[in-house]
Amino acid sequence: MKKELTSGKIIQIILSIYALLYLAYLILPFLPAFEIYVYDSPAGKYKAFLTFIAFLLVYLLSWRNRDIAGMLLIVGYIASILLDALLENIRLEAVILGFPVLIIGIFMVRDWYRQLLNLLASIYTLYQIWRTLTYFIVIIDIQLVDQILIIGLLSVWIFGFIILWKNPALAGWIFVFWFLFLLGTIITDRGGLEIPVAGVVIGLPGLILGILIILWGRKLRKTLPGQGAEASTDP
């Protein structure tokens, strides 16, 4: 219990430091002494401040409920990247600067999200099936090698999804391998993707799910022996 409280305080301190750096990132461009140009347009400025307000609300929530705040940070990061991708305004800077929020959110979330992870994995699996079918229906002229890679990617993901219900930790590693497989097709310019960055954005939720499921599976393995020992001592 003491170890859990200590780790929670460390995460909260790291999140507080990030909040201060985030605030400085927004304020410094307005100071004449610093020749920093961050905002490309008024719309970008408004979006940056709205994003910070949302982050601030989640930060305040983290002092009361660390689990929900962590999940909101994860969902917020993914939603922000996907929105930029849909608007064709994705920036590598935004992906990199927001990545620490994703990592902090992952370490803030604990056991209670088991059903949520299963739900997200199910939704993402349906999306992968729909995306694969769309490739073959819409893009008729696909080379044989690309067809094999597309089917291979879907097969790896579905295999991990099946394993998820029996061995979460192993399924998480399969999802991470799936993301690396996807990156390999992007680097080699295979798999039918016309925009490489879009492929990374599409695969990012799968990678995040894999990491979360690995953490959940590892903690599940630690708790099961304790539960078994406790059950054996019951009269």
C-alpha atoms as a PDB file:
ATOM      1  CA  MET A   1       0.000   0.000   0.000  1.00  0.00           C
ATOM      2  CA  LYS A   2       2.825   2.366   0.910  1.00  0.00           C
ATOM      3  CA  LYS A   3       4.585   1.586  -2.406  1.00  0.00           C
ATOM      4  CA  GLU A   4       1.377   2.361  -4.322  1.00  0.00           C
ATOM      5  CA  LEU A   5       0.982   5.707  -2.526  1.00  0.00           C
ATOM      6  CA  THR A   6       4.602   6.627  -3.256  1.00  0.00           C
ATOM      7  CA  SER A   7       4.320   5.795  -6.956  1.00  0.00           C
ATOM      8  CA  GLY A   8       1.070   7.781  -7.124  1.00  0.00           C
ATOM      9  CA  LYS A   9       2.793  10.850  -5.657  1.00  0.00           C
ATOM     10  CA  ILE A  10       5.687  10.547  -8.119  1.00  0.00           C
ATOM     11  CA  ILE A  11       3.293  10.384 -11.074  1.00  0.00           C
ATOM     12  CA  GLN A  12       1.380  13.377  -9.722  1.00  0.00           C
ATOM     13  CA  ILE A  13       4.618  15.379  -9.373  1.00  0.00           C
ATOM     14  CA  ILE A  14       5.643  14.508 -12.954  1.00  0.00           C
ATOM     15  CA  LEU A  15       2.195  15.557 -14.199  1.00  0.00           C
ATOM     16  CA  SER A  16       2.486  18.841 -12.272  1.00  0.00           C
ATOM     17  CA  ILE A  17       5.897  19.566 -13.846  1.00  0.00           C
ATOM     18  CA  TYR A  18       4.445  18.848 -17.286  1.00  0.00           C
ATOM     19  CA  ALA A  19       1.526  21.212 -16.546  1.00  0.00           C
ATOM     20  CA  LEU A  20       3.981  24.023 -15.710  1.00  0.00           C
ATOM     21  CA  LEU A  21       5.989  23.368 -18.882  1.00  0.00           C
ATOM     22  CA  TYR A  22       2.769  23.302 -20.885  1.00  0.00           C
ATOM     23  CA  LEU A  23       1.751  26.677 -19.427  1.00  0.00           C
ATOM     24  CA  ALA A  24       5.175  28.133 -20.226  1.00  0.00           C
ATOM     25  CA  TYR A  25       4.882  26.816 -23.800  1.00  0.00           C
ATOM     26  CA  LEU A  26       1.669  28.839 -24.198  1.00  0.00           C
ATOM     27  CA  ILE A  27       2.799  32.030 -22.462  1.00  0.00           C
ATOM     28  CA  LEU A  28       6.372  32.497 -23.730  1.00  0.00           C
ATOM     29  CA  PRO A  29       5.364  33.390 -27.333  1.00  0.00           C
ATOM     30  CA  PHE A  30       3.490  36.435 -25.961  1.00  0.00           C
ATOM     31  CA  LEU A  31       6.549  37.835 -24.132  1.00  0.00           C
ATOM     32  CA  PRO A  32       8.541  40.352 -26.219  1.00  0.00           C
ATOM     33  CA  ALA A  33      11.832  39.167 -24.740  1.00  0.00           C
ATOM     34  CA  PHE A  34      11.386  35.751 -26.345  1.00  0.00           C
ATOM     35  CA  GLU A  35      11.277  35.517 -30.126  1.00  0.00           C
ATOM     36  CA  ILE A  36       9.253  32.315 -30.193  1.00  0.00           C
ATOM     37  CA  TYR A  37       6.630  31.611 -32.845  1.00  0.00           C
ATOM     38  CA  VAL A  38       4.282  28.756 -32.014  1.00  0.00           C
ATOM     39  CA  TYR A  39       0.916  29.668 -33.478  1.00  0.00           C
ATOM     40  CA  ASP A  40       0.553  29.480 -37.256  1.00  0.00           C
ATOM     41  CA  SER A  41      -2.928  31.043 -37.255  1.00  0.00           C
ATOM     42  CA  PRO A  42      -5.588  32.459 -34.887  1.00  0.00           C
ATOM     43  CA  ALA A  43      -7.422  29.126 -35.124  1.00  0.00           C
ATOM     44  CA  GLY A  44      -4.267  27.345 -33.966  1.00  0.00           C
ATOM     45  CA  LYS A  45      -3.984  29.741 -31.033  1.00  0.00           C
ATOM     46  CA  TYR A  46      -7.581  29.107 -29.924  1.00  0.00           C
ATOM     47  CA  LYS A  47      -7.160  25.376 -30.284  1.00  0.00           C
ATOM     48  CA  ALA A  48      -3.980  25.439 -28.180  1.00  0.00           C
ATOM     49  CA  PHE A  49      -5.721  27.311 -25.347  1.00  0.00           C
ATOM     50  CA  LEU A  50      -8.830  25.105 -25.468  1.00  0.00           C
ATOM     51  CA  THR A  51      -6.607  22.033 -25.336  1.00  0.00           C
ATOM     52  CA  PHE A  52      -4.785  23.460 -22.321  1.00  0.00           C
ATOM     53  CA  ILE A  53      -8.069  24.212 -20.524  1.00  0.00           C
ATOM     54  CA  ALA A  54      -9.177  20.608 -21.100  1.00  0.00           C
ATOM     55  CA  PHE A  55      -5.794  19.383 -19.834  1.00  0.00           C
ATOM     56  CA  LEU A  56      -6.072  21.637 -16.770  1.00  0.00           C
ATOM     57  CA  LEU A  57      -9.505  20.227 -15.904  1.00  0.00           C
ATOM     58  CA  VAL A  58      -8.156  16.679 -16.169  1.00  0.00           C
ATOM     59  CA  TYR A  59      -5.132  17.693 -14.068  1.00  0.00           C
ATOM     60  CA  LEU A  60      -7.423  18.980 -11.302  1.00  0.00           C
ATOM     61  CA  LEU A  61      -9.465  15.774 -11.537  1.00  0.00           C
ATOM     62  CA  SER A  62      -6.289  13.713 -11.109  1.00  0.00           C
ATOM     63  CA  TRP A  63      -6.020  14.854  -7.477  1.00  0.00           C
ATOM     64  CA  ARG A  64      -9.417  13.255  -6.770  1.00  0.00           C
ATOM     65  CA  ASN A  65      -9.548  10.282  -9.150  1.00  0.00           C
ATOM     66  CA  ARG A  66      -6.268   9.245 -10.728  1.00  0.00           C
ATOM     67  CA  ASP A  67      -7.772   6.343 -12.718  1.00  0.00           C
ATOM     68  CA  ILE A  68     -10.371   8.376 -14.613  1.00  0.00           C
ATOM     69  CA  ALA A  69      -7.914  11.235 -15.168  1.00  0.00           C
ATOM     70  CA  GLY A  70      -5.352   8.827 -16.632  1.00  0.00           C
ATOM     71  CA  MET A  71      -7.867   7.333 -19.053  1.00  0.00           C
ATOM     72  CA  LEU A  72      -8.993  10.840 -20.104  1.00  0.00           C
ATOM     73  CA  LEU A  73      -5.361  11.787 -20.838  1.00  0.00           C
ATOM     74  CA  ILE A  74      -4.961   8.695 -23.029  1.00  0.00           C
ATOM     75  CA  VAL A  75      -8.257   9.215 -24.866  1.00  0.00           C
ATOM     76  CA  GLY A  76      -7.551  12.956 -25.233  1.00  0.00           C
ATOM     77  CA  TYR A  77      -4.153  12.371 -26.813  1.00  0.00           C
ATOM     78  CA  ILE A  78      -5.517   9.821 -29.274  1.00  0.00           C
ATOM     79  CA  ALA A  79      -8.527  12.023 -30.115  1.00  0.00           C
ATOM     80  CA  SER A  80      -6.292  15.060 -30.710  1.00  0.00           C
ATOM     81  CA  ILE A  81      -4.018  13.177 -33.115  1.00  0.00           C
ATOM     82  CA  LEU A  82      -6.939  11.603 -34.979  1.00  0.00           C
ATOM     83  CA  LEU A  83      -8.680  14.994 -35.284  1.00  0.00           C
ATOM     84  CA  ASP A  84      -5.549  16.569 -36.743  1.00  0.00           C
ATOM     85  CA  ALA A  85      -5.259  13.648 -39.162  1.00  0.00           C
ATOM     86  CA  LEU A  86      -8.873  14.063 -40.312  1.00  0.00           C
ATOM     87  CA  LEU A  87      -8.335  17.802 -40.800  1.00  0.00           C
ATOM     88  CA  GLU A  88      -5.049  17.040 -42.618  1.00  0.00           C
ATOM     89  CA  ASN A  89      -3.257  19.295 -40.152  1.00  0.00           C
ATOM     90  CA  ILE A  90      -1.181  16.741 -38.271  1.00  0.00           C
ATOM     91  CA  ARG A  91       2.148  18.059 -36.967  1.00  0.00           C
ATOM     92  CA  LEU A  92       5.049  15.952 -35.758  1.00  0.00           C
ATOM     93  CA  GLU A  93       5.664  18.584 -33.055  1.00  0.00           C
ATOM     94  CA  ALA A  94       2.198  18.011 -31.567  1.00  0.00           C
ATOM     95  CA  VAL A  95       2.683  14.228 -31.589  1.00  0.00           C
ATOM     96  CA  ILE A  96       6.043  14.490 -29.791  1.00  0.00           C
ATOM     97  CA  LEU A  97       5.038  17.163 -27.244  1.00  0.00           C
ATOM     98  CA  GLY A  98       1.873  15.279 -26.321  1.00  0.00           C
ATOM     99  CA  PHE A  99       3.555  11.883 -26.033  1.00  0.00           C
ATOM    100  CA  PRO A 100       4.591  12.407 -22.355  1.00  0.00           C
ATOM    101  CA  VAL A 101       0.895  12.921 -21.532  1.00  0.00           C
ATOM    102  CA  LEU A 102       0.158   9.516 -23.035  1.00  0.00           C
ATOM    103  CA  ILE A 103       2.897   7.835 -20.977  1.00  0.00           C
ATOM    104  CA  ILE A 104       1.777   9.567 -17.761  1.00  0.00           C
ATOM    105  CA  GLY A 105      -1.830   8.568 -18.457  1.00  0.00           C
ATOM    106  CA  ILE A 106      -0.834   4.928 -18.932  1.00  0.00           C
ATOM    107  CA  PHE A 107       0.910   4.834 -15.548  1.00  0.00           C
ATOM    108  CA  MET A 108      -2.027   6.575 -13.834  1.00  0.00           C
ATOM    109  CA  VAL A 109      -4.630   3.995 -14.873  1.00  0.00           C
ATOM    110  CA  ARG A 110      -5.038   0.886 -12.715  1.00  0.00           C
ATOM    111  CA  ASP A 111      -7.064  -2.360 -12.640  1.00  0.00           C
ATOM    112  CA  TRP A 112     -10.644  -1.177 -12.951  1.00  0.00           C
ATOM    113  CA  TYR A 113     -10.436  -0.595 -16.703  1.00  0.00           C
ATOM    114  CA  ARG A 114     -10.412  -4.281 -17.677  1.00  0.00           C
ATOM    115  CA  GLN A 115     -13.845  -4.191 -19.306  1.00  0.00           C
ATOM    116  CA  LEU A 116     -13.048  -0.875 -20.998  1.00  0.00           C
ATOM    117  CA  LEU A 117      -9.897  -2.360 -22.567  1.00  0.00           C
ATOM    118  CA  ASN A 118     -11.879  -5.326 -23.830  1.00  0.00           C
ATOM    119  CA  LEU A 119     -14.479  -2.964 -25.297  1.00  0.00           C
ATOM    120  CA  LEU A 120     -11.845  -0.776 -26.987  1.00  0.00           C
ATOM    121  CA  ALA A 121     -10.059  -3.835 -28.380  1.00  0.00           C
ATOM    122  CA  SER A 122     -13.379  -5.126 -29.754  1.00  0.00           C
ATOM    123  CA  ILE A 123     -14.188  -1.788 -31.404  1.00  0.00           C
ATOM    124  CA  TYR A 124     -10.688  -1.517 -32.881  1.00  0.00           C
ATOM    125  CA  THR A 125     -10.936  -5.085 -34.195  1.00  0.00           C
ATOM    126  CA  LEU A 126     -14.181  -4.226 -36.007  1.00  0.00           C
ATOM    127  CA  TYR A 127     -12.447  -1.140 -37.400  1.00  0.00           C
ATOM    128  CA  GLN A 128      -9.536  -3.256 -38.671  1.00  0.00           C
ATOM    129  CA  ILE A 129     -11.954  -5.630 -40.429  1.00  0.00           C
ATOM    130  CA  TRP A 130     -13.864  -2.711 -41.976  1.00  0.00           C
ATOM    131  CA  ARG A 131     -10.607  -1.029 -43.061  1.00  0.00           C
ATOM    132  CA  THR A 132      -9.326  -4.215 -44.706  1.00  0.00           C
ATOM    133  CA  LEU A 133     -12.580  -4.812 -46.559  1.00  0.00           C
ATOM    134  CA  THR A 134     -12.556  -1.172 -47.712  1.00  0.00           C
ATOM    135  CA  TYR A 135      -9.088  -1.640 -49.204  1.00  0.00           C
ATOM    136  CA  PHE A 136     -10.232  -4.547 -51.340  1.00  0.00           C
ATOM    137  CA  ILE A 137     -13.572  -2.970 -52.320  1.00  0.00           C
ATOM    138  CA  VAL A 138     -12.450   0.608 -53.036  1.00  0.00           C
ATOM    139  CA  ILE A 139      -8.853   0.042 -54.195  1.00  0.00           C
ATOM    140  CA  ILE A 140      -9.237  -2.561 -56.897  1.00  0.00           C
ATOM    141  CA  ASP A 141      -5.705  -2.433 -58.321  1.00  0.00           C
ATOM    142  CA  ILE A 142      -3.701  -3.861 -55.391  1.00  0.00           C
ATOM    143  CA  GLN A 143      -0.530  -5.827 -56.014  1.00  0.00           C
ATOM    144  CA  LEU A 144      -0.339  -9.387 -54.703  1.00  0.00           C
ATOM    145  CA  VAL A 145       2.409  -8.550 -52.200  1.00  0.00           C
ATOM    146  CA  ASP A 146       0.289  -5.724 -50.759  1.00  0.00           C
ATOM    147  CA  GLN A 147      -2.728  -8.027 -50.549  1.00  0.00           C
ATOM    148  CA  ILE A 148      -0.700 -10.578 -48.566  1.00  0.00           C
ATOM    149  CA  LEU A 149       0.612  -7.878 -46.204  1.00  0.00           C
ATOM    150  CA  ILE A 150      -2.852  -6.395 -45.629  1.00  0.00           C
ATOM    151  CA  ILE A 151      -4.340  -9.825 -44.871  1.00  0.00           C
ATOM    152  CA  GLY A 152      -1.295 -10.635 -42.713  1.00  0.00           C
ATOM    153  CA  LEU A 153      -1.778  -7.490 -40.625  1.00  0.00           C
ATOM    154  CA  LEU A 154      -5.437  -8.293 -40.049  1.00  0.00           C
ATOM    155  CA  SER A 155      -4.605 -11.920 -39.185  1.00  0.00           C
ATOM    156  CA  VAL A 156      -2.016 -10.883 -36.574  1.00  0.00           C
ATOM    157  CA  TRP A 157      -4.452  -8.454 -34.947  1.00  0.00           C
ATOM    158  CA  ILE A 158      -7.321 -10.974 -34.865  1.00  0.00           C
ATOM    159  CA  PHE A 159      -4.974 -13.620 -33.407  1.00  0.00           C
ATOM    160  CA  GLY A 160      -4.033 -11.191 -30.636  1.00  0.00           C
ATOM    161  CA  PHE A 161      -7.709 -10.378 -30.061  1.00  0.00           C
ATOM    162  CA  ILE A 162      -8.523 -14.085 -29.608  1.00  0.00           C
ATOM    163  CA  ILE A 163      -5.584 -14.552 -27.204  1.00  0.00           C
ATOM    164  CA  LEU A 164      -6.717 -11.455 -25.241  1.00  0.00           C
ATOM    165  CA  TRP A 165      -9.503 -13.360 -23.502  1.00  0.00           C
ATOM    166  CA  LYS A 166      -7.125 -16.061 -22.207  1.00  0.00           C
ATOM    167  CA  ASN A 167      -3.702 -14.417 -21.886  1.00  0.00           C
ATOM    168  CA  PRO A 168      -3.865 -10.579 -21.812  1.00  0.00           C
ATOM    169  CA  ALA A 169      -0.108 -10.028 -21.442  1.00  0.00           C
ATOM    170  CA  LEU A 170       0.685 -12.170 -24.499  1.00  0.00           C
ATOM    171  CA  ALA A 171      -2.086 -10.458 -26.476  1.00  0.00           C
ATOM    172  CA  GLY A 172      -0.574  -7.082 -25.614  1.00  0.00           C
ATOM    173  CA  TRP A 173       2.797  -8.151 -27.016  1.00  0.00           C
ATOM    174  CA  ILE A 174       1.076  -9.413 -30.172  1.00  0.00           C
ATOM    175  CA  PHE A 175      -0.559  -5.986 -30.605  1.00  0.00           C
ATOM    176  CA  VAL A 176       2.846  -4.306 -30.191  1.00  0.00           C
ATOM    177  CA  PHE A 177       4.286  -6.712 -32.808  1.00  0.00           C
ATOM    178  CA  TRP A 178       1.331  -5.812 -35.072  1.00  0.00           C
ATOM    179  CA  PHE A 179       2.277  -2.132 -34.818  1.00  0.00           C
ATOM    180  CA  LEU A 180       5.913  -2.919 -35.654  1.00  0.00           C
ATOM    181  CA  PHE A 181       4.668  -5.016 -38.591  1.00  0.00           C
ATOM    182  CA  LEU A 182       2.619  -2.001 -39.741  1.00  0.00           C
ATOM    183  CA  LEU A 183       5.665   0.276 -39.423  1.00  0.00           C
ATOM    184  CA  GLY A 184       7.636  -2.185 -41.518  1.00  0.00           C
ATOM    185  CA  THR A 185       5.083  -1.961 -44.340  1.00  0.00           C
ATOM    186  CA  ILE A 186       5.190   1.841 -44.132  1.00  0.00           C
ATOM    187  CA  ILE A 187       9.008   2.014 -44.195  1.00  0.00           C
ATOM    188  CA  THR A 188       9.179  -0.349 -47.177  1.00  0.00           C
ATOM    189  CA  ASP A 189       6.341   1.535 -48.917  1.00  0.00           C
ATOM    190  CA  ARG A 190       4.135  -1.542 -49.064  1.00  0.00           C
ATOM    191  CA  GLY A 191       0.616  -2.361 -47.866  1.00  0.00           C
ATOM    192  CA  GLY A 192      -1.277   0.077 -50.076  1.00  0.00           C
ATOM    193  CA  LEU A 193      -0.908   3.151 -47.841  1.00  0.00           C
ATOM    194  CA  GLU A 194      -0.726   6.366 -49.846  1.00  0.00           C
ATOM    195  CA  ILE A 195       0.014   8.618 -46.815  1.00  0.00           C
ATOM    196  CA  PRO A 196       2.627   7.074 -44.433  1.00  0.00           C
ATOM    197  CA  VAL A 197       1.818   9.457 -41.530  1.00  0.00           C
ATOM    198  CA  ALA A 198      -1.833   8.393 -41.727  1.00  0.00           C
ATOM    199  CA  GLY A 199      -0.718   4.785 -41.312  1.00  0.00           C
ATOM    200  CA  VAL A 200       1.145   5.649 -38.106  1.00  0.00           C
ATOM    201  CA  VAL A 201      -1.877   7.545 -36.769  1.00  0.00           C
ATOM    202  CA  ILE A 202      -4.157   4.609 -37.607  1.00  0.00           C
ATOM    203  CA  GLY A 203      -1.835   2.162 -35.858  1.00  0.00           C
ATOM    204  CA  LEU A 204      -1.154   4.308 -32.776  1.00  0.00           C
ATOM    205  CA  PRO A 205      -4.375   3.322 -30.923  1.00  0.00           C
ATOM    206  CA  GLY A 206      -3.434  -0.338 -31.455  1.00  0.00           C
ATOM    207  CA  LEU A 207       0.018   0.241 -29.947  1.00  0.00           C
ATOM    208  CA  ILE A 208      -1.482   2.077 -26.965  1.00  0.00           C
ATOM    209  CA  LEU A 209      -3.990  -0.718 -26.413  1.00  0.00           C
ATOM    210  CA  GLY A 210      -1.145  -3.220 -26.536  1.00  0.00           C
ATOM    211  CA  ILE A 211       0.860  -1.371 -23.859  1.00  0.00           C
ATOM    212  CA  LEU A 212      -2.180  -0.978 -21.592  1.00  0.00           C
ATOM    213  CA  ILE A 213      -3.098  -4.654 -21.972  1.00  0.00           C
ATOM    214  CA  ILE A 214       0.499  -5.711 -21.179  1.00  0.00           C
ATOM    215  CA  LEU A 215       0.408  -3.679 -17.953  1.00  0.00           C
ATOM    216  CA  TRP A 216      -2.989  -5.100 -17.041  1.00  0.00           C
ATOM    217  CA  GLY A 217      -1.888  -8.675 -17.811  1.00  0.00           C
ATOM    218  CA  ARG A 218       1.275  -8.349 -15.710  1.00  0.00           C
ATOM    219  CA  LYS A 219      -0.677  -7.047 -12.731  1.00  0.00           C
ATOM    220  CA  LEU A 220      -3.271  -9.799 -13.204  1.00  0.00           C
ATOM    221  CA  ARG A 221      -0.517 -12.419 -12.981  1.00  0.00           C
ATOM    222  CA  LYS A 222       0.724 -10.902  -9.721  1.00  0.00           C
ATOM    223  CA  THR A 223      -2.710 -10.865  -8.096  1.00  0.00           C
ATOM    224  CA  LEU A 224      -3.811 -14.391  -9.083  1.00  0.00           C
ATOM    225  CA  PRO A 225      -1.243 -16.291  -6.883  1.00  0.00           C
ATOM    226  CA  GLY A 226      -2.230 -14.147  -3.910  1.00  0.00           C
ATOM    227  CA  GLN A 227      -5.916 -14.864  -4.488  1.00  0.00           C
ATOM    228  CA  GLY A 228      -5.212 -18.574  -4.805  1.00  0.00           C
ATOM    229  CA  ALA A 229      -3.269 -18.664  -1.527  1.00  0.00           C
ATOM    230  CA  GLU A 230      -6.015 -16.730   0.224  1.00  0.00           C
ATOM    231  CA  ALA A 231      -8.672 -19.121  -1.081  1.00  0.00           C
ATOM    232  CA  SER A 232      -6.707 -22.188   0.109  1.00  0.00           C
ATOM    233  CA  THR A 233      -6.605 -20.882   3.708  1.00  0.00           C
ATOM    234  CA  ASP A 234     -10.370 -20.325   3.889  1.00  0.00           C
ATOM    235  CA  PRO A 235     -12.185 -22.854   6.144  1.00  0.00           C
END
